[in-house]
PDB file of N, CA and C in Angstrom:
ATOM      1  N   MET A   1      24.574  27.379 -11.170  1.00  0.00           N
ATOM      2  CA  MET A   1      24.290  26.329  -9.992  1.00  0.00           C
ATOM      3  C   MET A   1      23.398  26.321  -9.370  1.00  0.00           C
ATOM      4  N   LYS A   2      22.421  27.487  -9.187  1.00  0.00           N
ATOM      5  CA  LYS A   2      21.175  27.308  -8.485  1.00  0.00           C
ATOM      6  C   LYS A   2      20.069  26.642  -9.285  1.00  0.00           C
ATOM      7  N   ARG A   3      20.351  26.822 -10.518  1.00  0.00           N
ATOM      8  CA  ARG A   3      19.419  26.209 -11.525  1.00  0.00           C
ATOM      9  C   ARG A   3      19.459  24.594 -11.476  1.00  0.00           C
ATOM     10  N   ILE A   4      20.604  24.142 -11.504  1.00  0.00           N
ATOM     11  CA  ILE A   4      20.985  22.762 -11.461  1.00  0.00           C
ATOM     12  C   ILE A   4      20.592  22.071 -10.033  1.00  0.00           C
ATOM     13  N   THR A   5      20.473  22.953  -8.847  1.00  0.00           N
ATOM     14  CA  THR A   5      20.206  22.450  -7.534  1.00  0.00           C
ATOM     15  C   THR A   5      18.623  22.367  -7.705  1.00  0.00           C
ATOM     16  N   LYS A   6      17.826  23.249  -8.189  1.00  0.00           N
ATOM     17  CA  LYS A   6      16.521  23.310  -8.291  1.00  0.00           C
ATOM     18  C   LYS A   6      15.907  22.261  -8.999  1.00  0.00           C
ATOM     19  N   ILE A   7      16.811  21.968 -10.183  1.00  0.00           N
ATOM     20  CA  ILE A   7      16.278  20.678 -10.987  1.00  0.00           C
ATOM     21  C   ILE A   7      16.421  19.492 -10.537  1.00  0.00           C
ATOM     22  N   ALA A   8      17.537  19.371  -9.689  1.00  0.00           N
ATOM     23  CA  ALA A   8      17.863  18.065  -8.909  1.00  0.00           C
ATOM     24  C   ALA A   8      16.835  17.881  -7.860  1.00  0.00           C
ATOM     25  N   LEU A   9      16.275  18.804  -7.040  1.00  0.00           N
ATOM     26  CA  LEU A   9      15.443  18.787  -6.103  1.00  0.00           C
ATOM     27  C   LEU A   9      14.152  18.533  -6.778  1.00  0.00           C
ATOM     28  N   GLY A  10      13.767  19.086  -7.716  1.00  0.00           N
ATOM     29  CA  GLY A  10      12.604  18.597  -8.429  1.00  0.00           C
ATOM     30  C   GLY A  10      12.353  17.543  -8.975  1.00  0.00           C
ATOM     31  N   ILE A  11      13.575  16.786  -9.481  1.00  0.00           N
ATOM     32  CA  ILE A  11      13.618  15.355  -9.835  1.00  0.00           C
ATOM     33  C   ILE A  11      13.515  14.424  -8.516  1.00  0.00           C
ATOM     34  N   SER A  12      14.187  14.717  -7.584  1.00  0.00           N
ATOM     35  CA  SER A  12      14.236  14.007  -6.300  1.00  0.00           C
ATOM     36  C   SER A  12      12.705  13.920  -5.752  1.00  0.00           C
ATOM     37  N   ALA A  13      12.170  15.054  -5.569  1.00  0.00           N
ATOM     38  CA  ALA A  13      10.724  15.257  -5.216  1.00  0.00           C
ATOM     39  C   ALA A  13       9.798  14.424  -5.997  1.00  0.00           C
ATOM     40  N   ALA A  14       9.936  14.546  -7.412  1.00  0.00           N
ATOM     41  CA  ALA A  14       9.168  13.764  -8.251  1.00  0.00           C
ATOM     42  C   ALA A  14       9.381  12.344  -8.053  1.00  0.00           C
ATOM     43  N   THR A  15      10.452  11.888  -7.793  1.00  0.00           N
ATOM     44  CA  THR A  15      10.950  10.460  -7.843  1.00  0.00           C
ATOM     45  C   THR A  15      10.221   9.891  -6.418  1.00  0.00           C
ATOM     46  N   VAL A  16      10.240  10.606  -5.325  1.00  0.00           N
ATOM     47  CA  VAL A  16       9.664  10.306  -4.083  1.00  0.00           C
ATOM     48  C   VAL A  16       8.229  10.128  -4.367  1.00  0.00           C
ATOM     49  N   LEU A  17       7.512  10.953  -4.882  1.00  0.00           N
ATOM     50  CA  LEU A  17       6.225  11.173  -5.108  1.00  0.00           C
ATOM     51  C   LEU A  17       5.638   9.777  -6.026  1.00  0.00           C
ATOM     52  N   MET A  18       6.365   9.665  -7.046  1.00  0.00           N
ATOM     53  CA  MET A  18       5.996   8.480  -7.811  1.00  0.00           C
ATOM     54  C   MET A  18       6.237   7.135  -7.029  1.00  0.00           C
ATOM     55  N   ALA A  19       7.218   7.079  -6.350  1.00  0.00           N
ATOM     56  CA  ALA A  19       7.589   5.818  -5.625  1.00  0.00           C
ATOM     57  C   ALA A  19       6.549   5.565  -4.259  1.00  0.00           C
ATOM     58  N   SER A  20       5.959   6.661  -3.926  1.00  0.00           N
ATOM     59  CA  SER A  20       5.045   6.467  -2.930  1.00  0.00           C
ATOM     60  C   SER A  20       3.569   6.266  -3.506  1.00  0.00           C
ATOM     61  N   ALA A  21       3.492   6.725  -4.692  1.00  0.00           N
ATOM     62  CA  ALA A  21       2.173   6.557  -5.380  1.00  0.00           C
ATOM     63  C   ALA A  21       2.099   5.081  -5.819  1.00  0.00           C
ATOM     64  N   LEU A  22       3.193   4.627  -6.308  1.00  0.00           N
ATOM     65  CA  LEU A  22       3.410   3.305  -6.943  1.00  0.00           C
ATOM     66  C   LEU A  22       2.889   2.176  -5.557  1.00  0.00           C
ATOM     67  N   TYR A  23       3.685   2.399  -4.441  1.00  0.00           N
ATOM     68  CA  TYR A  23       3.520   1.687  -3.211  1.00  0.00           C
ATOM     69  C   TYR A  23       2.174   1.618  -2.692  1.00  0.00           C
ATOM     70  N   ALA A  24       1.599   2.862  -2.854  1.00  0.00           N
ATOM     71  CA  ALA A  24       0.324   3.197  -2.110  1.00  0.00           C
ATOM     72  C   ALA A  24      -0.691   2.320  -2.954  1.00  0.00           C
ATOM     73  N   GLY A  25      -0.499   2.140  -4.275  1.00  0.00           N
ATOM     74  CA  GLY A  25      -1.439   1.598  -5.276  1.00  0.00           C
ATOM     75  C   GLY A  25      -1.771   0.264  -4.782  1.00  0.00           C
ATOM     76  N   THR A  26      -1.054  -0.638  -4.106  1.00  0.00           N
ATOM     77  CA  THR A  26      -1.283  -2.007  -3.807  1.00  0.00           C
ATOM     78  C   THR A  26      -1.552  -2.011  -2.265  1.00  0.00           C
ATOM     79  N   ASP A  27      -1.125  -1.017  -1.454  1.00  0.00           N
ATOM     80  CA  ASP A  27      -1.267  -1.259   0.063  1.00  0.00           C
ATOM     81  C   ASP A  27      -2.341  -0.380   0.480  1.00  0.00           C
ATOM     82  N   ASP A  28      -3.068  -0.978   1.449  1.00  0.00           N
ATOM     83  CA  ASP A  28      -4.253  -0.434   2.015  1.00  0.00           C
ATOM     84  C   ASP A  28      -4.235  -0.757   3.545  1.00  0.00           C
ATOM     85  N   PRO A  29      -3.665   0.172   4.393  1.00  0.00           N
ATOM     86  CA  PRO A  29      -3.387  -0.214   5.794  1.00  0.00           C
ATOM     87  C   PRO A  29      -4.795  -0.711   6.440  1.00  0.00           C
ATOM     88  N   ARG A  30      -5.806  -0.051   6.015  1.00  0.00           N
ATOM     89  CA  ARG A  30      -7.086  -0.354   6.497  1.00  0.00           C
ATOM     90  C   ARG A  30      -7.464  -1.865   6.534  1.00  0.00           C
ATOM     91  N   ILE A  31      -7.318  -2.157   5.177  1.00  0.00           N
ATOM     92  CA  ILE A  31      -7.730  -3.602   4.935  1.00  0.00           C
ATOM     93  C   ILE A  31      -6.709  -4.500   5.705  1.00  0.00           C
ATOM     94  N   GLN A  32      -5.382  -4.219   5.815  1.00  0.00           N
ATOM     95  CA  GLN A  32      -4.665  -5.031   6.516  1.00  0.00           C
ATOM     96  C   GLN A  32      -4.856  -5.122   8.039  1.00  0.00           C
ATOM     97  N   GLN A  33      -5.363  -4.077   8.571  1.00  0.00           N
ATOM     98  CA  GLN A  33      -5.600  -3.833   9.897  1.00  0.00           C
ATOM     99  C   GLN A  33      -6.971  -4.672  10.330  1.00  0.00           C
ATOM    100  N   ARG A  34      -7.876  -4.435   9.404  1.00  0.00           N
ATOM    101  CA  ARG A  34      -8.997  -5.302   9.651  1.00  0.00           C
ATOM    102  C   ARG A  34      -8.784  -6.790   9.524  1.00  0.00           C
ATOM    103  N   GLU A  35      -7.877  -7.228   8.587  1.00  0.00           N
ATOM    104  CA  GLU A  35      -7.662  -8.671   8.571  1.00  0.00           C
ATOM    105  C   GLU A  35      -7.067  -9.180   9.985  1.00  0.00           C
ATOM    106  N   GLN A  36      -6.164  -8.384  10.398  1.00  0.00           N
ATOM    107  CA  GLN A  36      -5.467  -8.790  11.636  1.00  0.00           C
ATOM    108  C   GLN A  36      -6.658  -8.675  12.747  1.00  0.00           C
ATOM    109  N   ASN A  37      -7.258  -7.628  12.746  1.00  0.00           N
ATOM    110  CA  ASN A  37      -8.392  -7.576  13.867  1.00  0.00           C
ATOM    111  C   ASN A  37      -9.435  -8.903  13.779  1.00  0.00           C
ATOM    112  N   GLN A  38      -9.717  -9.033  12.689  1.00  0.00           N
ATOM    113  CA  GLN A  38     -10.791 -10.271  12.532  1.00  0.00           C
ATOM    114  C   GLN A  38     -10.150 -11.604  12.916  1.00  0.00           C
ATOM    115  N   GLN A  39      -8.918 -11.657  12.566  1.00  0.00           N
ATOM    116  CA  GLN A  39      -8.120 -12.778  12.944  1.00  0.00           C
ATOM    117  C   GLN A  39      -8.013 -12.969  14.488  1.00  0.00           C
ATOM    118  N   GLN A  40      -7.718 -11.926  15.019  1.00  0.00           N
ATOM    119  CA  GLN A  40      -7.815 -11.797  16.644  1.00  0.00           C
ATOM    120  C   GLN A  40      -8.982 -12.139  17.238  1.00  0.00           C
ATOM    121  N   ARG A  41     -10.097 -11.739  16.616  1.00  0.00           N
ATOM    122  CA  ARG A  41     -11.429 -12.046  17.031  1.00  0.00           C
ATOM    123  C   ARG A  41     -11.832 -13.474  16.967  1.00  0.00           C
ATOM    124  N   ILE A  42     -11.443 -14.261  16.076  1.00  0.00           N
ATOM    125  CA  ILE A  42     -11.660 -15.620  15.624  1.00  0.00           C
ATOM    126  C   ILE A  42     -10.793 -16.370  16.743  1.00  0.00           C
ATOM    127  N   ASP A  43      -9.450 -15.892  16.752  1.00  0.00           N
ATOM    128  CA  ASP A  43      -8.515 -16.646  17.775  1.00  0.00           C
ATOM    129  C   ASP A  43      -9.310 -16.384  19.372  1.00  0.00           C
ATOM    130  N   GLN A  44      -9.768 -15.447  19.698  1.00  0.00           N
ATOM    131  CA  GLN A  44     -10.202 -15.109  20.897  1.00  0.00           C
ATOM    132  C   GLN A  44     -11.525 -16.106  21.152  1.00  0.00           C
ATOM    133  N   GLY A  45     -12.370 -16.004  20.039  1.00  0.00           N
ATOM    134  CA  GLY A  45     -13.596 -16.746  20.188  1.00  0.00           C
ATOM    135  C   GLY A  45     -13.305 -18.250  20.374  1.00  0.00           C
ATOM    136  N   VAL A  46     -12.168 -18.863  19.871  1.00  0.00           N
ATOM    137  CA  VAL A  46     -11.859 -20.323  20.052  1.00  0.00           C
ATOM    138  C   VAL A  46     -11.248 -20.373  21.429  1.00  0.00           C
ATOM    139  N   LYS A  47     -10.311 -19.503  21.833  1.00  0.00           N
ATOM    140  CA  LYS A  47      -9.742 -19.673  23.304  1.00  0.00           C
ATOM    141  C   LYS A  47     -10.884 -19.581  24.254  1.00  0.00           C
ATOM    142  N   SER A  48     -11.868 -18.701  24.034  1.00  0.00           N
ATOM    143  CA  SER A  48     -12.847 -18.602  25.087  1.00  0.00           C
ATOM    144  C   SER A  48     -14.093 -19.682  24.978  1.00  0.00           C
ATOM    145  N   GLY A  49     -14.105 -20.247  23.866  1.00  0.00           N
ATOM    146  CA  GLY A  49     -15.078 -21.382  23.726  1.00  0.00           C
ATOM    147  C   GLY A  49     -16.436 -20.894  23.063  1.00  0.00           C
ATOM    148  N   GLU A  50     -16.318 -19.447  22.640  1.00  0.00           N
ATOM    149  CA  GLU A  50     -17.400 -18.833  21.935  1.00  0.00           C
ATOM    150  C   GLU A  50     -17.467 -19.491  20.578  1.00  0.00           C
ATOM    151  N   LEU A  51     -16.485 -20.013  19.980  1.00  0.00           N
ATOM    152  CA  LEU A  51     -16.670 -20.685  18.680  1.00  0.00           C
ATOM    153  C   LEU A  51     -16.175 -22.060  18.833  1.00  0.00           C
ATOM    154  N   THR A  52     -17.109 -22.875  18.122  1.00  0.00           N
ATOM    155  CA  THR A  52     -16.770 -24.369  18.128  1.00  0.00           C
ATOM    156  C   THR A  52     -15.705 -24.526  16.887  1.00  0.00           C
ATOM    157  N   PRO A  53     -15.014 -25.638  16.966  1.00  0.00           N
ATOM    158  CA  PRO A  53     -14.048 -25.837  15.867  1.00  0.00           C
ATOM    159  C   PRO A  53     -14.720 -25.800  14.395  1.00  0.00           C
ATOM    160  N   GLY A  54     -15.825 -26.263  14.180  1.00  0.00           N
ATOM    161  CA  GLY A  54     -16.428 -26.084  12.810  1.00  0.00           C
ATOM    162  C   GLY A  54     -16.780 -24.650  12.561  1.00  0.00           C
ATOM    163  N   GLU A  55     -17.235 -23.810  13.497  1.00  0.00           N
ATOM    164  CA  GLU A  55     -17.509 -22.434  13.243  1.00  0.00           C
ATOM    165  C   GLU A  55     -16.101 -21.874  12.965  1.00  0.00           C
ATOM    166  N   ALA A  56     -15.161 -22.128  13.548  1.00  0.00           N
ATOM    167  CA  ALA A  56     -13.889 -21.397  13.460  1.00  0.00           C
ATOM    168  C   ALA A  56     -13.267 -21.717  12.099  1.00  0.00           C
ATOM    169  N   ASP A  57     -13.636 -23.000  11.908  1.00  0.00           N
ATOM    170  CA  ASP A  57     -13.154 -23.392  10.409  1.00  0.00           C
ATOM    171  C   ASP A  57     -13.695 -22.654   9.229  1.00  0.00           C
ATOM    172  N   LYS A  58     -14.970 -22.511   9.215  1.00  0.00           N
ATOM    173  CA  LYS A  58     -15.669 -21.671   8.404  1.00  0.00           C
ATOM    174  C   LYS A  58     -15.283 -20.384   8.302  1.00  0.00           C
ATOM    175  N   LEU A  59     -14.795 -19.699   9.477  1.00  0.00           N
ATOM    176  CA  LEU A  59     -14.666 -18.300   9.419  1.00  0.00           C
ATOM    177  C   LEU A  59     -13.118 -18.245   9.007  1.00  0.00           C
ATOM    178  N   GLU A  60     -12.312 -19.223   9.253  1.00  0.00           N
ATOM    179  CA  GLU A  60     -11.011 -19.038   8.646  1.00  0.00           C
ATOM    180  C   GLU A  60     -10.841 -19.324   7.201  1.00  0.00           C
ATOM    181  N   LYS A  61     -11.958 -20.125   6.711  1.00  0.00           N
ATOM    182  CA  LYS A  61     -11.982 -20.272   5.135  1.00  0.00           C
ATOM    183  C   LYS A  61     -12.424 -18.948   4.722  1.00  0.00           C
ATOM    184  N   GLN A  62     -13.319 -18.368   5.225  1.00  0.00           N
ATOM    185  CA  GLN A  62     -13.747 -17.008   4.812  1.00  0.00           C
ATOM    186  C   GLN A  62     -12.659 -15.978   4.685  1.00  0.00           C
ATOM    187  N   GLN A  63     -11.980 -16.031   5.782  1.00  0.00           N
ATOM    188  CA  GLN A  63     -10.537 -15.024   5.970  1.00  0.00           C
ATOM    189  C   GLN A  63      -9.639 -15.387   4.711  1.00  0.00           C
ATOM    190  N   THR A  64      -9.516 -16.701   4.457  1.00  0.00           N
ATOM    191  CA  THR A  64      -8.505 -17.008   3.327  1.00  0.00           C
ATOM    192  C   THR A  64      -9.076 -16.616   2.071  1.00  0.00           C
ATOM    193  N   LYS A  65     -10.440 -16.793   1.734  1.00  0.00           N
ATOM    194  CA  LYS A  65     -10.701 -16.237   0.538  1.00  0.00           C
ATOM    195  C   LYS A  65     -10.645 -14.742   0.398  1.00  0.00           C
ATOM    196  N   ILE A  66     -10.945 -13.975   1.504  1.00  0.00           N
ATOM    197  CA  ILE A  66     -10.715 -12.562   1.370  1.00  0.00           C
ATOM    198  C   ILE A  66      -9.297 -12.294   1.066  1.00  0.00           C
ATOM    199  N   LYS A  67      -8.280 -12.915   1.428  1.00  0.00           N
ATOM    200  CA  LYS A  67      -6.825 -12.845   1.365  1.00  0.00           C
ATOM    201  C   LYS A  67      -6.632 -13.218  -0.112  1.00  0.00           C
ATOM    202  N   GLN A  68      -7.128 -14.360  -0.548  1.00  0.00           N
ATOM    203  CA  GLN A  68      -6.770 -14.720  -1.833  1.00  0.00           C
ATOM    204  C   GLN A  68      -7.450 -13.534  -2.979  1.00  0.00           C
ATOM    205  N   ASP A  69      -8.556 -13.193  -2.747  1.00  0.00           N
ATOM    206  CA  ASP A  69      -9.271 -12.189  -3.515  1.00  0.00           C
ATOM    207  C   ASP A  69      -8.320 -10.874  -3.524  1.00  0.00           C
ATOM    208  N   GLU A  70      -7.696 -10.544  -2.424  1.00  0.00           N
ATOM    209  CA  GLU A  70      -6.960  -9.519  -2.229  1.00  0.00           C
ATOM    210  C   GLU A  70      -5.802  -9.569  -3.111  1.00  0.00           C
ATOM    211  N   ALA A  71      -5.135 -10.815  -2.793  1.00  0.00           N
ATOM    212  CA  ALA A  71      -3.798 -11.106  -3.800  1.00  0.00           C
ATOM    213  C   ALA A  71      -4.197 -10.954  -5.337  1.00  0.00           C
ATOM    214  N   ARG A  72      -5.047 -11.642  -5.560  1.00  0.00           N
ATOM    215  CA  ARG A  72      -5.602 -11.694  -7.154  1.00  0.00           C
ATOM    216  C   ARG A  72      -5.681 -10.017  -7.480  1.00  0.00           C
ATOM    217  N   MET A  73      -6.468  -9.322  -6.736  1.00  0.00           N
ATOM    218  CA  MET A  73      -6.702  -7.852  -7.053  1.00  0.00           C
ATOM    219  C   MET A  73      -5.507  -7.039  -7.185  1.00  0.00           C
ATOM    220  N   LYS A  74      -4.472  -7.364  -6.238  1.00  0.00           N
ATOM    221  CA  LYS A  74      -3.312  -6.700  -6.487  1.00  0.00           C
ATOM    222  C   LYS A  74      -2.266  -7.207  -7.391  1.00  0.00           C
ATOM    223  N   SER A  75      -2.488  -8.375  -8.118  1.00  0.00           N
ATOM    224  CA  SER A  75      -1.544  -9.036  -8.887  1.00  0.00           C
ATOM    225  C   SER A  75      -1.092  -7.915 -10.128  1.00  0.00           C
ATOM    226  N   ASP A  76      -1.974  -7.135 -10.472  1.00  0.00           N
ATOM    227  CA  ASP A  76      -1.644  -6.238 -11.474  1.00  0.00           C
ATOM    228  C   ASP A  76      -1.047  -4.979 -11.169  1.00  0.00           C
ATOM    229  N   GLY A  77      -0.659  -4.885  -9.794  1.00  0.00           N
ATOM    230  CA  GLY A  77       0.193  -3.702  -9.293  1.00  0.00           C
ATOM    231  C   GLY A  77      -0.597  -2.714  -8.854  1.00  0.00           C
ATOM    232  N   LYS A  78      -1.946  -2.642  -8.905  1.00  0.00           N
ATOM    233  CA  LYS A  78      -2.654  -1.684  -8.379  1.00  0.00           C
ATOM    234  C   LYS A  78      -3.884  -2.185  -7.672  1.00  0.00           C
ATOM    235  N   LEU A  79      -4.512  -1.373  -6.732  1.00  0.00           N
ATOM    236  CA  LEU A  79      -5.856  -1.786  -6.102  1.00  0.00           C
ATOM    237  C   LEU A  79      -6.808  -0.598  -6.427  1.00  0.00           C
ATOM    238  N   THR A  80      -7.735  -0.828  -7.058  1.00  0.00           N
ATOM    239  CA  THR A  80      -8.589   0.348  -7.506  1.00  0.00           C
ATOM    240  C   THR A  80      -9.533   0.660  -6.498  1.00  0.00           C
ATOM    241  N   LYS A  81     -10.389   1.501  -6.745  1.00  0.00           N
ATOM    242  CA  LYS A  81     -11.399   2.068  -5.638  1.00  0.00           C
ATOM    243  C   LYS A  81     -12.429   0.905  -5.527  1.00  0.00           C
ATOM    244  N   LYS A  82     -12.795   0.296  -6.602  1.00  0.00           N
ATOM    245  CA  LYS A  82     -13.972  -0.648  -6.964  1.00  0.00           C
ATOM    246  C   LYS A  82     -13.423  -1.775  -6.250  1.00  0.00           C
ATOM    247  N   GLU A  83     -12.054  -2.151  -6.346  1.00  0.00           N
ATOM    248  CA  GLU A  83     -11.486  -3.401  -5.631  1.00  0.00           C
ATOM    249  C   GLU A  83     -11.559  -3.185  -4.283  1.00  0.00           C
ATOM    250  N   ARG A  84     -11.062  -2.156  -3.695  1.00  0.00           N
ATOM    251  CA  ARG A  84     -11.107  -1.712  -2.288  1.00  0.00           C
ATOM    252  C   ARG A  84     -12.601  -1.856  -1.824  1.00  0.00           C
ATOM    253  N   ARG A  85     -13.495  -1.404  -2.470  1.00  0.00           N
ATOM    254  CA  ARG A  85     -14.941  -1.400  -1.891  1.00  0.00           C
ATOM    255  C   ARG A  85     -15.269  -2.787  -2.010  1.00  0.00           C
ATOM    256  N   LYS A  86     -14.812  -3.769  -2.816  1.00  0.00           N
ATOM    257  CA  LYS A  86     -15.231  -5.063  -2.817  1.00  0.00           C
ATOM    258  C   LYS A  86     -14.814  -5.641  -1.520  1.00  0.00           C
ATOM    259  N   LEU A  87     -13.529  -5.472  -1.354  1.00  0.00           N
ATOM    260  CA  LEU A  87     -12.775  -6.261  -0.236  1.00  0.00           C
ATOM    261  C   LEU A  87     -13.499  -5.725   1.021  1.00  0.00           C
ATOM    262  N   THR A  88     -13.854  -4.431   1.137  1.00  0.00           N
ATOM    263  CA  THR A  88     -14.314  -3.858   2.394  1.00  0.00           C
ATOM    264  C   THR A  88     -15.810  -4.488   2.415  1.00  0.00           C
ATOM    265  N   ARG A  89     -16.397  -4.820   1.542  1.00  0.00           N
ATOM    266  CA  ARG A  89     -17.840  -5.381   1.658  1.00  0.00           C
ATOM    267  C   ARG A  89     -17.592  -6.930   2.151  1.00  0.00           C
ATOM    268  N   GLU A  90     -16.662  -7.503   1.405  1.00  0.00           N
ATOM    269  CA  GLU A  90     -16.270  -9.073   2.115  1.00  0.00           C
ATOM    270  C   GLU A  90     -15.806  -8.985   3.447  1.00  0.00           C
ATOM    271  N   GLN A  91     -15.109  -8.015   3.894  1.00  0.00           N
ATOM    272  CA  GLN A  91     -14.705  -7.887   5.315  1.00  0.00           C
ATOM    273  C   GLN A  91     -15.896  -7.555   6.260  1.00  0.00           C
ATOM    274  N   ASN A  92     -16.686  -6.701   5.823  1.00  0.00           N
ATOM    275  CA  ASN A  92     -17.902  -6.360   6.533  1.00  0.00           C
ATOM    276  C   ASN A  92     -18.796  -7.682   6.829  1.00  0.00           C
ATOM    277  N   ARG A  93     -19.004  -8.706   5.624  1.00  0.00           N
ATOM    278  CA  ARG A  93     -19.700  -9.693   5.794  1.00  0.00           C
ATOM    279  C   ARG A  93     -19.060 -10.678   6.659  1.00  0.00           C
ATOM    280  N   ALA A  94     -17.705 -10.824   6.726  1.00  0.00           N
ATOM    281  CA  ALA A  94     -16.961 -11.721   7.422  1.00  0.00           C
ATOM    282  C   ALA A  94     -17.210 -11.192   8.929  1.00  0.00           C
ATOM    283  N   SER A  95     -17.015  -9.862   9.327  1.00  0.00           N
ATOM    284  CA  SER A  95     -17.197  -9.378  10.454  1.00  0.00           C
ATOM    285  C   SER A  95     -18.712  -9.800  11.272  1.00  0.00           C
ATOM    286  N   LYS A  96     -19.662  -9.569  10.468  1.00  0.00           N
ATOM    287  CA  LYS A  96     -20.875 -10.037  10.692  1.00  0.00           C
ATOM    288  C   LYS A  96     -20.807 -11.579  11.139  1.00  0.00           C
ATOM    289  N   ASN A  97     -20.326 -12.417  10.414  1.00  0.00           N
ATOM    290  CA  ASN A  97     -20.323 -13.663  10.482  1.00  0.00           C
ATOM    291  C   ASN A  97     -19.493 -14.102  11.790  1.00  0.00           C
ATOM    292  N   ILE A  98     -18.501 -13.348  12.117  1.00  0.00           N
ATOM    293  CA  ILE A  98     -17.821 -13.562  13.206  1.00  0.00           C
ATOM    294  C   ILE A  98     -18.677 -13.234  14.418  1.00  0.00           C
ATOM    295  N   TYR A  99     -19.299 -12.117  14.434  1.00  0.00           N
ATOM    296  CA  TYR A  99     -20.263 -11.749  15.424  1.00  0.00           C
ATOM    297  C   TYR A  99     -21.331 -12.820  15.735  1.00  0.00           C
ATOM    298  N   ARG A 100     -22.197 -13.099  14.563  1.00  0.00           N
ATOM    299  CA  ARG A 100     -23.168 -14.094  14.882  1.00  0.00           C
ATOM    300  C   ARG A 100     -22.784 -15.371  15.464  1.00  0.00           C
ATOM    301  N   LYS A 101     -21.647 -15.896  14.936  1.00  0.00           N
ATOM    302  CA  LYS A 101     -21.263 -17.239  15.491  1.00  0.00           C
ATOM    303  C   LYS A 101     -20.513 -17.147  16.866  1.00  0.00           C
ATOM    304  N   LYS A 102     -20.116 -15.959  17.241  1.00  0.00           N
ATOM    305  CA  LYS A 102     -19.391 -15.918  18.752  1.00  0.00           C
ATOM    306  C   LYS A 102     -20.712 -15.565  19.630  1.00  0.00           C
ATOM    307  N   HIS A 103     -21.890 -15.307  19.103  1.00  0.00           N
ATOM    308  CA  HIS A 103     -23.083 -14.853  20.059  1.00  0.00           C
ATOM    309  C   HIS A 103     -24.100 -15.833  19.791  1.00  0.00           C
ATOM    310  N   ASN A 104     -24.088 -16.868  19.204  1.00  0.00           N
ATOM    311  CA  ASN A 104     -25.029 -17.900  19.090  1.00  0.00           C
ATOM    312  C   ASN A 104     -25.026 -18.831  20.331  1.00  0.00           C
ATOM    313  N   GLU A 105     -25.864 -19.798  20.309  1.00  0.00           N
ATOM    314  CA  GLU A 105     -25.888 -20.695  21.502  1.00  0.00           C
ATOM    315  C   GLU A 105     -24.947 -21.817  21.375  1.00  0.00           C
ATOM    316  N   GLN A 106     -24.145 -22.072  20.357  1.00  0.00           N
ATOM    317  CA  GLN A 106     -23.105 -23.060  20.304  1.00  0.00           C
ATOM    318  C   GLN A 106     -21.928 -22.621  21.203  1.00  0.00           C
ATOM    319  N   LYS A 107     -21.625 -23.683  21.969  1.00  0.00           N
ATOM    320  CA  LYS A 107     -20.288 -23.432  22.744  1.00  0.00           C
ATOM    321  C   LYS A 107     -19.447 -24.583  22.599  1.00  0.00           C
ATOM    322  N   ALA A 108     -18.219 -24.248  22.719  1.00  0.00           N
ATOM    323  CA  ALA A 108     -17.158 -25.354  22.594  1.00  0.00           C
ATOM    324  C   ALA A 108     -16.910 -25.774  23.932  1.00  0.00           C
ATOM    325  N   ASN A 109     -16.261 -26.984  23.922  1.00  0.00           N
ATOM    326  CA  ASN A 109     -15.772 -27.393  25.356  1.00  0.00           C
ATOM    327  C   ASN A 109     -14.336 -26.962  25.506  1.00  0.00           C
ATOM    328  N   VAL A 110     -14.259 -26.088  26.499  1.00  0.00           N
ATOM    329  CA  VAL A 110     -12.835 -25.582  26.592  1.00  0.00           C
ATOM    330  C   VAL A 110     -12.384 -25.796  28.003  1.00  0.00           C
ATOM    331  N   SER A 111     -11.311 -26.492  28.084  1.00  0.00           N
ATOM    332  CA  SER A 111     -10.858 -26.512  29.514  1.00  0.00           C
ATOM    333  C   SER A 111      -9.871 -25.488  29.777  1.00  0.00           C
ATOM    334  N   GLN A 112      -9.827 -24.932  31.071  1.00  0.00           N
ATOM    335  CA  GLN A 112      -8.943 -23.843  31.278  1.00  0.00           C
ATOM    336  C   GLN A 112      -7.961 -24.082  32.364  1.00  0.00           C
TER     337      GLN A 112
END
């Protein structure tokens, strides 16, 4: 009886580990959080007038491309370290673009 219980526990533990490994293969909370943060920065820039509609449009297109790249990379069911690094580089570039566009001399007309 004890042996059957140990085997059942072992199988259960292995199943949980495999499921979490498969799930973790395509999910990266850091990438998701950065996407949300960058979207909030763009929205805030539009609302405050720091971003013109044209600047916001370019930044939105860049965010869309990053999301498309991420979906393509995840389509095989896993996100490799190399693919994570590429997404991180894309997000770093996008973050710099958001900063530059929010802090340049162009201002949008925003009525409050």
